[in-house]
């Protein structure tokens, strides 16, 4: 009887962990997207700075 209880608890914990892993994967994907946008913005800013330096100021 104890074995069935332990097995049931184990299965429930595994289901909870799978759900949590899926949630964390989604959060990681969102973070990756935000980071990509930041890199693009930095690239654009660096291009603007380079143009300003070549143009002799503002």
Protein backbone atom coordinates (compact mmCIF):
# COMPACT_ATOMS: atom_id res chain seq x y z
CA UNK A 1 0.00 0.00 0.00
CA UNK A 2 2.82 2.41 0.88
CA UNK A 3 4.45 1.69 -2.49
CA UNK A 4 1.33 2.89 -4.32
CA UNK A 5 1.23 6.09 -2.28
CA UNK A 6 4.90 6.82 -2.94
CA UNK A 7 4.45 6.04 -6.64
CA UNK A 8 1.45 8.37 -6.83
CA UNK A 9 3.33 11.19 -5.11
CA UNK A 10 6.28 10.64 -7.44
CA UNK A 11 4.08 10.84 -10.53
CA UNK A 12 2.41 14.01 -9.25
CA UNK A 13 5.78 15.63 -8.55
CA UNK A 14 7.00 14.70 -12.03
CA UNK A 15 3.92 16.31 -13.59
CA UNK A 16 4.46 19.48 -11.54
CA UNK A 17 8.13 19.56 -12.58
CA UNK A 18 7.26 19.12 -16.26
CA UNK A 19 4.82 22.03 -16.05
CA UNK A 20 7.45 24.19 -14.35
CA UNK A 21 10.09 23.31 -16.97
CA UNK A 22 7.69 24.30 -19.76
CA UNK A 23 6.99 27.63 -18.03
CA UNK A 24 10.70 28.31 -17.61
CA UNK A 25 11.38 27.48 -21.27
CA UNK A 26 8.73 30.02 -22.31
CA UNK A 27 10.26 32.66 -20.04
CA UNK A 28 13.70 31.93 -21.48
CA UNK A 29 12.41 32.36 -25.04
CA UNK A 30 10.86 35.71 -24.08
CA UNK A 31 14.15 36.79 -22.54
CA UNK A 32 16.05 35.75 -25.67
CA UNK A 33 13.69 37.83 -27.82
CA UNK A 34 14.18 40.86 -25.56
CA UNK A 35 17.95 40.41 -25.70
CA UNK A 36 17.92 40.24 -29.49
CA UNK A 37 16.03 43.52 -29.62
CA UNK A 38 18.55 45.11 -27.30
CA UNK A 39 21.44 43.96 -29.50
CA UNK A 40 19.74 45.45 -32.57
CA UNK A 41 19.21 48.72 -30.74
CA UNK A 42 22.86 48.82 -29.66
CA UNK A 43 23.94 48.18 -33.24
CA UNK A 44 21.79 51.05 -34.50
CA UNK A 45 23.14 53.36 -31.81
CA UNK A 46 26.72 52.44 -32.68
CA UNK A 47 26.01 53.17 -36.34
CA UNK A 48 24.60 56.59 -35.42
CA UNK A 49 27.63 57.38 -33.26
CA UNK A 50 29.96 56.37 -36.08
CA UNK A 51 28.07 58.63 -38.52
CA UNK A 52 28.21 61.52 -36.05
CA UNK A 53 31.96 61.08 -35.59
CA UNK A 54 32.50 60.99 -39.35
CA UNK A 55 30.29 64.05 -39.81
CA UNK A 56 32.35 66.13 -37.39
CA UNK A 57 29.85 66.46 -34.58
CA UNK A 58 26.14 66.92 -34.08
